[in-house]
Amino acid sequence: MILHLLAVAVLATFASYTAYYYLRVIRRPVLHFKNSSFHRSIIEQCPVLSEPYKPTFWCFNNHLMLLLFLFREFRAKPYHYDRIEQLKMKDGGTTGLAWSGMEESKKSRTPIVVVFHTISGDEQDVTSMVRCIRNLNWTAVVCIRRGHGSLPLSKPRFNTMGSTSDLTEQLARIQKQFPEAPLFGVGISAGSGLLARYLGESGSRGKFQAAVAISPAYDLEVAFMRVHPVYSKLMRTRLIRYFLERHPSLSEIRGFEHAKLANNLAEFQDRIYALAGYESREEYYKHSNPIKVVKGIRTPLLILNSADDPICVNENVMENLHWLEHLDSTMLVHTERGSHVAYLEGMRGTSWAERVVGQYLQAIMRSPKRTRSSPTRKPPGAKRVARALGGTRHSARKKTVRRTR
């Protein structure tokens, strides 16, 4: 009798869990963009954007999904790159390029995807994305920032968000080797901040044909204060060990000890301005915060954000819809779940974000026009491309596709 009741309880629990999953978890992404033939063409060529996102059945909680994602990353075997170059910057600093698929690049006009790693990562924390790119038979190259990975800190200076001047030199090196290859960019977490900053600064002079930003934080001055307190403290500890304790030459710079005493991620970020080469916090954010230049973006850009992200929180997204929906070639893909960067799907927990990246980049390559599209009328049935998210329900149907003026 007890076993029978236990079995009934287990079945009832499983049935309730399953019902909750299908009724409350599976949702279509909301797409925010300025209406144009360019964006409609992209949507038509990217089925993943119109289909429901089905998070992993047994791991759709945002914290569990992020922990699983990080655990897999930690357990992953080192990825073998074709070559890792160390580049000497004009000011004496050292950056790097990690290449995968260089043989492909020797073929005329094989696309090259430049990957931007995370805030305390290197070429080994983006290997899943690199494999995704290689599955397209394209070349991947990871831009390694100063002080990251095994690079020597040849000049005592670092910036958690990277430097667009360093990136410009890295891109020049890539184009010198493969001048005919079209370039694309994929930024992950903090890497998307550097990518967006570069796109905004360079405007129509940028080197990328298109780009993807996964889990960006938008305005760094407020975003770091909103990080979940547990992750904020963990990330603070990680950054102190990764940068300040690994590179003793930084101890000679004003602000070193003050940064080590930071209580959370936001305080650490506010206190490293001198370590990044700036005279003040205000000057640091002026030259590092992507939100200062986003209106200058002219390159086609796809942005992925999840409403349940505990690090780059949903409030950041909602505060920036006003400019996202007015950039001619920018599209925001806003999901209800996905956590931070992870976006696991299917029973095996594969990456939905990588499917999005693959389909989007291929669609761009097939597009006859890779720049801003011209105004056009709203297509019939456009409302079907999105379902409203909590917090945007009042405007999602109205704003998902807007007429261009």
Protein backbone atom coordinates (compact mmCIF):
# COMPACT_ATOMS: atom_id res chain seq x y z
CA MET A 1 0.00 0.00 0.00
CA ILE A 2 2.80 2.40 0.89
CA LEU A 3 4.65 1.61 -2.33
CA HIS A 4 1.45 2.16 -4.30
CA LEU A 5 0.89 5.58 -2.71
CA LEU A 6 4.52 6.48 -3.29
CA ALA A 7 4.23 5.53 -6.96
CA VAL A 8 1.07 7.61 -7.31
CA ALA A 9 2.79 10.57 -5.65
CA VAL A 10 5.80 10.26 -7.97
CA LEU A 11 3.59 10.06 -11.06
CA ALA A 12 1.50 13.03 -9.90
CA THR A 13 4.63 15.07 -9.26
CA PHE A 14 6.07 14.17 -12.65
CA ALA A 15 2.79 15.01 -14.38
CA SER A 16 2.63 18.38 -12.62
CA TYR A 17 6.25 19.12 -13.47
CA THR A 18 5.67 18.19 -17.11
CA ALA A 19 2.52 20.29 -17.32
CA TYR A 20 4.36 23.27 -15.82
CA TYR A 21 7.19 22.83 -18.31
CA TYR A 22 4.94 22.79 -21.37
CA LEU A 23 2.57 25.50 -20.14
CA ARG A 24 4.96 27.93 -18.47
CA VAL A 25 8.53 27.22 -19.58
CA ILE A 26 8.39 26.78 -23.36
CA ARG A 27 8.09 30.18 -25.03
CA ARG A 28 8.88 31.78 -28.35
CA PRO A 29 11.54 34.48 -28.21
CA VAL A 30 10.39 38.08 -28.50
CA LEU A 31 12.07 39.89 -31.37
CA HIS A 32 12.63 43.64 -31.16
CA PHE A 33 13.81 45.38 -34.29
CA LYS A 34 13.16 48.19 -36.74
CA ASN A 35 10.98 46.86 -39.51
CA SER A 36 12.80 46.33 -42.82
CA SER A 37 13.12 43.87 -45.66
CA PHE A 38 16.59 43.05 -44.33
CA HIS A 39 15.27 41.88 -40.97
CA ARG A 40 12.34 40.01 -42.50
CA SER A 41 14.77 38.16 -44.73
CA ILE A 42 16.91 37.24 -41.71
CA ILE A 43 13.87 35.90 -39.82
CA GLU A 44 12.79 33.83 -42.82
CA GLN A 45 16.25 32.27 -43.05
CA CYS A 46 16.57 31.63 -39.31
CA PRO A 47 13.80 29.19 -38.28
CA VAL A 48 15.18 29.13 -34.73
CA LEU A 49 14.00 32.73 -34.23
CA SER A 50 10.36 31.87 -34.92
CA GLU A 51 10.24 28.55 -33.08
CA PRO A 52 9.62 28.09 -29.34
CA TYR A 53 12.77 27.89 -27.25
CA LYS A 54 12.59 24.65 -25.25
CA PRO A 55 15.01 24.82 -22.31
CA THR A 56 16.44 21.55 -21.04
CA PHE A 57 13.54 19.70 -19.38
CA TRP A 58 15.47 18.73 -16.27
CA CYS A 59 17.46 21.96 -15.93
CA PHE A 60 15.45 25.06 -16.80
CA ASN A 61 16.02 26.93 -13.53
CA ASN A 62 18.37 29.84 -14.23
CA HIS A 63 20.82 29.04 -11.41
CA LEU A 64 20.94 25.31 -12.17
CA MET A 65 21.42 26.01 -15.86
CA LEU A 66 24.30 28.39 -15.20
CA LEU A 67 25.97 25.98 -12.75
CA LEU A 68 25.69 23.13 -15.26
CA PHE A 69 27.11 25.34 -18.00
CA LEU A 70 30.07 26.36 -15.82
CA PHE A 71 30.65 22.80 -14.62
CA ARG A 72 30.84 21.53 -18.19
CA GLU A 73 33.22 24.32 -19.07
CA PHE A 74 35.40 23.43 -16.08
CA ARG A 75 35.46 19.72 -16.99
CA ALA A 76 36.06 20.23 -20.70
CA LYS A 77 39.35 19.00 -22.15
CA PRO A 78 41.70 21.71 -23.44
CA TYR A 79 40.95 22.64 -27.03
CA HIS A 80 43.83 22.36 -29.48
CA TYR A 81 44.17 25.52 -31.54
CA ASP A 82 46.12 25.59 -34.78
CA ARG A 83 48.19 28.50 -33.56
CA ILE A 84 48.24 31.04 -30.73
CA GLU A 85 49.97 34.28 -31.63
CA GLN A 86 51.25 36.81 -29.16
CA LEU A 87 50.95 40.36 -30.49
CA LYS A 88 52.97 43.30 -29.23
CA MET A 89 50.79 46.41 -29.02
CA LYS A 90 52.05 49.88 -29.85
CA ASP A 91 52.37 50.79 -26.17
CA GLY A 92 54.29 47.60 -25.32
CA GLY A 93 51.34 45.56 -24.05
CA THR A 94 50.67 41.99 -25.17
CA THR A 95 47.48 40.52 -26.64
CA GLY A 96 46.84 37.29 -28.48
CA LEU A 97 45.05 35.54 -31.33
CA ALA A 98 44.04 31.87 -31.04
CA TRP A 99 43.32 30.36 -34.46
CA SER A 100 41.20 27.36 -35.37
CA GLY A 101 40.70 26.40 -39.01
CA MET A 102 43.52 28.42 -40.53
CA GLU A 103 43.64 26.03 -43.47
CA GLU A 104 40.10 27.06 -44.32
CA SER A 105 41.15 30.71 -44.34
CA LYS A 106 43.72 30.03 -47.03
CA LYS A 107 40.82 29.39 -49.37
CA SER A 108 39.59 32.57 -51.02
CA ARG A 109 36.99 34.48 -48.96
CA THR A 110 36.34 31.81 -46.33
CA PRO A 111 34.60 33.75 -43.53
CA ILE A 112 36.48 34.39 -40.30
CA VAL A 113 34.57 34.75 -37.04
CA VAL A 114 36.32 36.76 -34.33
CA VAL A 115 35.28 35.51 -30.88
CA PHE A 116 35.41 37.71 -27.77
CA HIS A 117 35.83 35.81 -24.49
CA THR A 118 34.37 36.51 -21.06
CA ILE A 119 35.46 38.84 -18.25
CA SER A 120 38.05 36.46 -16.75
CA GLY A 121 38.30 33.98 -19.59
CA ASP A 122 40.58 33.19 -22.48
CA GLU A 123 40.61 31.03 -25.59
CA GLN A 124 39.64 27.94 -23.57
CA ASP A 125 36.34 29.27 -22.20
CA VAL A 126 34.81 29.80 -25.66
CA THR A 127 35.68 26.45 -27.20
CA SER A 128 32.03 25.44 -27.61
CA MET A 129 31.43 28.51 -29.77
CA VAL A 130 34.64 27.85 -31.68
CA ARG A 131 33.41 24.33 -32.48
CA CYS A 132 30.10 25.78 -33.62
CA ILE A 133 31.94 28.04 -36.06
CA ARG A 134 34.16 25.25 -37.27
CA ASN A 135 31.05 23.15 -37.98
CA LEU A 136 30.17 25.80 -40.56
CA ASN A 137 33.57 25.16 -42.19
CA TRP A 138 34.50 28.73 -41.28
CA THR A 139 37.59 29.93 -39.45
CA ALA A 140 37.47 30.98 -35.80
CA VAL A 141 39.95 33.28 -34.10
CA VAL A 142 39.72 34.27 -30.43
CA CYS A 143 40.93 37.75 -29.51
CA ILE A 144 42.73 37.29 -26.18
CA ARG A 145 42.85 40.46 -24.09
CA ARG A 146 45.73 41.78 -21.98
CA GLY A 147 46.40 39.84 -18.80
CA HIS A 148 44.20 36.91 -19.82
CA GLY A 149 45.12 33.26 -20.17
CA SER A 150 48.82 32.57 -20.41
CA LEU A 151 49.72 35.95 -21.90
CA PRO A 152 52.45 37.88 -20.11
CA LEU A 153 51.41 41.26 -18.74
CA SER A 154 54.30 43.01 -20.45
CA LYS A 155 52.93 46.40 -19.47
CA PRO A 156 51.25 46.76 -16.05
CA ARG A 157 47.82 47.68 -17.36
CA PHE A 158 44.58 45.75 -17.84
CA ASN A 159 40.91 46.41 -18.45
CA THR A 160 38.29 43.77 -17.64
CA MET A 161 36.25 45.07 -20.58
CA GLY A 162 39.15 45.16 -23.01
CA SER A 163 40.43 47.96 -25.22
CA THR A 164 39.16 49.00 -28.65
CA SER A 165 42.62 50.29 -29.55
CA ASP A 166 44.06 46.82 -28.86
CA LEU A 167 41.21 45.27 -30.83
CA THR A 168 41.90 47.55 -33.80
CA GLU A 169 45.50 46.30 -33.87
CA GLN A 170 44.33 42.68 -33.57
CA LEU A 171 41.89 43.10 -36.47
CA ALA A 172 44.63 44.71 -38.57
CA ARG A 173 46.79 41.63 -37.97
CA ILE A 174 43.93 39.32 -39.00
CA GLN A 175 43.24 41.28 -42.18
CA LYS A 176 46.91 41.46 -43.06
CA GLN A 177 47.03 37.67 -43.12
CA PHE A 178 43.67 37.16 -44.84
CA PRO A 179 42.76 40.38 -46.66
CA GLU A 180 39.95 38.85 -48.73
CA ALA A 181 38.10 37.07 -45.93
CA PRO A 182 34.85 38.60 -44.63
CA LEU A 183 34.95 39.16 -40.87
CA PHE A 184 32.20 38.50 -38.33
CA GLY A 185 32.19 39.03 -34.57
CA VAL A 186 30.68 37.05 -31.69
CA GLY A 187 30.93 38.50 -28.19
CA ILE A 188 30.10 36.44 -25.10
CA SER A 189 29.13 38.16 -21.84
CA ALA A 190 31.80 40.83 -21.16
CA GLY A 191 33.20 40.12 -24.61
CA SER A 192 29.99 41.48 -26.08
CA GLY A 193 30.70 44.78 -24.32
CA LEU A 194 34.02 45.18 -26.12
CA LEU A 195 32.39 44.16 -29.40
CA ALA A 196 29.56 46.69 -28.99
CA ARG A 197 32.00 49.42 -27.98
CA TYR A 198 34.04 48.79 -31.13
CA LEU A 199 30.94 48.74 -33.36
CA GLY A 200 29.71 52.02 -31.89
CA GLU A 201 33.06 53.78 -32.16
CA SER A 202 33.81 52.61 -35.69
CA GLY A 203 30.29 53.11 -37.11
CA SER A 204 30.22 52.51 -40.86
CA ARG A 205 34.02 52.14 -40.88
CA GLY A 206 33.90 48.91 -38.86
CA LYS A 207 35.56 45.77 -40.15
CA PHE A 208 32.74 43.33 -39.39
CA GLN A 209 30.08 42.24 -41.87
CA ALA A 210 27.80 41.39 -38.93
CA ALA A 211 28.04 40.56 -35.23
CA VAL A 212 26.31 38.71 -32.40
CA ALA A 213 26.30 39.80 -28.74
CA ILE A 214 25.33 37.10 -26.20
CA SER A 215 24.15 38.25 -22.75
CA PRO A 216 25.45 41.84 -22.86
CA ALA A 217 25.09 44.07 -19.80
CA TYR A 218 24.52 47.38 -21.67
CA ASP A 219 25.30 50.24 -19.26
CA LEU A 220 28.28 49.10 -17.19
CA GLU A 221 27.93 51.87 -14.62
CA VAL A 222 24.66 50.41 -13.37
CA ALA A 223 24.74 46.82 -14.66
CA PHE A 224 27.43 45.60 -12.27
CA MET A 225 25.44 46.90 -9.30
CA ARG A 226 22.50 44.71 -10.33
CA VAL A 227 24.35 41.40 -10.51
CA HIS A 228 22.91 38.79 -8.14
CA PRO A 229 24.81 39.32 -4.82
CA VAL A 230 26.13 35.76 -4.67
CA TYR A 231 27.54 35.92 -8.20
CA SER A 232 28.80 39.44 -7.58
CA LYS A 233 30.97 38.31 -4.65
CA LEU A 234 32.15 35.20 -6.49
CA MET A 235 33.13 37.23 -9.53
CA ARG A 236 34.89 39.82 -7.34
CA THR A 237 36.99 37.07 -5.76
CA ARG A 238 37.72 35.52 -9.14
CA LEU A 239 38.86 38.82 -10.67
CA ILE A 240 41.13 39.68 -7.74
CA ARG A 241 42.85 36.31 -8.03
CA TYR A 242 42.92 36.32 -11.81
CA PHE A 243 44.35 39.78 -12.33
CA LEU A 244 45.74 41.30 -9.14
CA GLU A 245 47.31 38.21 -7.58
CA ARG A 246 48.54 36.68 -10.86
CA HIS A 247 50.24 39.86 -12.04
CA PRO A 248 52.33 41.34 -9.21
CA SER A 249 53.58 44.17 -11.44
CA LEU A 250 50.15 45.78 -11.01
CA SER A 251 50.89 46.38 -7.32
CA GLU A 252 53.02 49.37 -8.28
CA ILE A 253 50.00 51.21 -9.67
CA ARG A 254 47.81 53.57 -7.69
CA GLY A 255 44.52 51.93 -6.70
CA PHE A 256 45.84 48.36 -6.51
CA GLU A 257 45.20 47.89 -2.78
CA HIS A 258 41.89 49.73 -2.97
CA ALA A 259 40.70 47.34 -5.70
CA LYS A 260 41.75 44.32 -3.62
CA LEU A 261 39.49 45.53 -0.80
CA ALA A 262 36.37 45.67 -3.00
CA ASN A 263 33.33 43.97 -1.48
CA ASN A 264 31.58 43.11 -4.73
CA LEU A 265 31.90 43.20 -8.49
CA ALA A 266 30.62 46.75 -8.87
CA GLU A 267 33.13 48.12 -6.36
CA PHE A 268 35.98 46.24 -8.04
CA GLN A 269 35.00 47.60 -11.44
CA ASP A 270 34.77 51.16 -10.09
CA ARG A 271 38.22 50.95 -8.48
CA ILE A 272 40.34 49.63 -11.37
CA TYR A 273 40.36 52.81 -13.45
CA ALA A 274 44.02 53.58 -12.66
CA LEU A 275 44.97 49.96 -13.41
CA ALA A 276 43.31 50.43 -16.81
CA GLY A 277 45.32 53.59 -17.48
CA TYR A 278 42.75 56.30 -16.66
CA GLU A 279 42.87 59.23 -14.25
CA SER A 280 39.36 58.83 -12.88
CA ARG A 281 36.37 56.52 -12.71
CA GLU A 282 34.44 58.87 -15.00
CA GLU A 283 37.20 58.85 -17.61
CA TYR A 284 37.37 55.06 -17.44
CA TYR A 285 33.67 54.57 -18.15
CA LYS A 286 33.71 57.26 -20.81
CA HIS A 287 36.19 55.19 -22.81
CA SER A 288 35.03 51.68 -21.87
CA ASN A 289 31.25 51.74 -21.43
CA PRO A 290 29.56 50.55 -24.64
CA ILE A 291 26.33 52.39 -23.83
CA LYS A 292 28.10 55.70 -24.54
CA VAL A 293 28.47 54.89 -28.25
CA VAL A 294 25.74 52.38 -29.13
CA LYS A 295 23.81 54.86 -31.27
CA GLY A 296 26.75 54.84 -33.66
CA ILE A 297 26.35 51.14 -34.48
CA ARG A 298 25.82 50.59 -38.22
CA THR A 299 26.87 46.95 -38.51
CA PRO A 300 24.09 44.31 -38.50
CA LEU A 301 23.95 43.15 -34.89
CA LEU A 302 21.98 40.34 -33.26
CA ILE A 303 21.65 40.55 -29.46
CA LEU A 304 20.61 37.65 -27.20
CA ASN A 305 19.29 38.33 -23.72
CA SER A 306 17.33 36.21 -21.26
CA ALA A 307 14.82 37.63 -18.79
CA ASP A 308 16.03 35.25 -16.06
CA ASP A 309 19.73 36.16 -16.40
CA PRO A 310 21.09 36.59 -12.83
CA ILE A 311 24.19 38.48 -14.01
CA CYS A 312 23.10 40.70 -16.89
CA VAL A 313 19.63 41.20 -15.49
CA ASN A 314 16.39 41.89 -17.35
CA GLU A 315 16.17 45.46 -16.04
CA ASN A 316 19.24 46.30 -18.12
CA VAL A 317 17.44 45.11 -21.25
CA MET A 318 14.17 46.92 -20.57
CA GLU A 319 15.94 50.24 -20.00
CA ASN A 320 17.55 50.05 -23.44
CA LEU A 321 14.69 49.04 -25.69
CA HIS A 322 14.24 52.67 -26.73
CA TRP A 323 17.45 52.67 -28.76
CA LEU A 324 17.50 48.99 -29.68
CA GLU A 325 14.29 49.39 -31.64
CA HIS A 326 15.57 52.40 -33.58
CA LEU A 327 18.87 51.07 -34.94
CA ASP A 328 18.40 50.07 -38.56
CA SER A 329 20.34 46.80 -38.46
CA THR A 330 20.05 45.69 -34.83
CA MET A 331 17.75 42.93 -33.58
CA LEU A 332 17.20 41.87 -29.98
CA VAL A 333 16.21 38.24 -29.36
CA HIS A 334 14.66 38.26 -25.90
CA THR A 335 13.87 34.92 -24.24
CA GLU A 336 12.09 34.23 -21.00
CA ARG A 337 14.68 31.64 -19.93
CA GLY A 338 18.26 30.79 -20.74
CA SER A 339 20.18 32.15 -17.75
CA HIS A 340 23.53 33.83 -18.46
CA VAL A 341 25.08 32.73 -21.78
CA ALA A 342 24.02 29.08 -21.21
CA TYR A 343 20.75 28.79 -23.21
CA LEU A 344 20.65 25.01 -22.81
CA GLU A 345 18.05 23.05 -24.78
CA GLY A 346 17.07 19.43 -25.35
CA MET A 347 17.59 16.48 -23.04
CA ARG A 348 21.35 16.62 -23.55
CA GLY A 349 21.55 20.32 -22.74
CA THR A 350 23.05 21.56 -26.01
CA SER A 351 23.37 25.25 -26.82
CA TRP A 352 20.38 27.04 -28.34
CA ALA A 353 22.46 30.21 -28.63
CA GLU A 354 24.94 28.46 -30.89
CA ARG A 355 22.12 27.41 -33.18
CA VAL A 356 21.03 31.03 -33.35
CA VAL A 357 24.58 32.20 -34.11
CA GLY A 358 25.06 29.60 -36.85
CA GLN A 359 21.78 30.36 -38.62
CA TYR A 360 22.19 34.13 -38.32
CA LEU A 361 25.73 34.24 -39.71
CA GLN A 362 24.80 32.01 -42.62
CA ALA A 363 21.75 34.16 -43.34
CA ILE A 364 23.96 37.26 -43.40
CA MET A 365 26.34 35.57 -45.84
CA ARG A 366 23.42 34.77 -48.14
CA SER A 367 22.01 38.28 -47.85
CA PRO A 368 22.63 40.45 -50.94
CA LYS A 369 22.86 43.51 -48.69
CA ARG A 370 24.77 43.35 -45.39
CA THR A 371 24.21 46.96 -44.41
CA ARG A 372 21.27 49.05 -43.26
CA SER A 373 18.01 48.24 -45.02
CA SER A 374 15.57 50.69 -46.52
CA PRO A 375 12.13 51.53 -45.13
CA THR A 376 9.33 49.22 -46.04
CA ARG A 377 5.80 48.54 -45.05
CA LYS A 378 4.86 46.16 -42.26
CA PRO A 379 4.38 42.59 -43.52
CA PRO A 380 1.11 40.71 -43.05
CA GLY A 381 1.11 38.48 -39.97
CA ALA A 382 4.15 40.12 -38.47
CA LYS A 383 2.76 39.77 -34.97
CA ARG A 384 3.25 36.05 -35.03
CA VAL A 385 7.05 36.33 -34.74
CA ALA A 386 6.90 37.02 -31.02
CA ARG A 387 5.13 36.16 -27.82
CA ALA A 388 5.11 38.60 -24.95
CA LEU A 389 7.47 38.25 -22.01
CA GLY A 390 6.55 39.10 -18.46
CA GLY A 391 7.24 42.77 -18.01
CA THR A 392 6.97 43.54 -21.74
CA ARG A 393 3.54 42.10 -22.32
CA HIS A 394 1.99 45.53 -22.68
CA SER A 395 4.21 46.45 -25.61
CA ALA A 396 5.66 43.30 -27.18
CA ARG A 397 3.04 42.90 -29.89
CA LYS A 398 3.15 46.57 -30.72
CA LYS A 399 6.92 46.96 -30.68
CA THR A 400 8.24 43.67 -32.00
CA VAL A 401 7.95 44.93 -35.56
CA ARG A 402 7.87 48.70 -35.99
CA ARG A 403 7.37 50.74 -39.11
CA THR A 404 10.46 52.54 -40.28
CA ARG A 405 10.09 56.27 -40.62
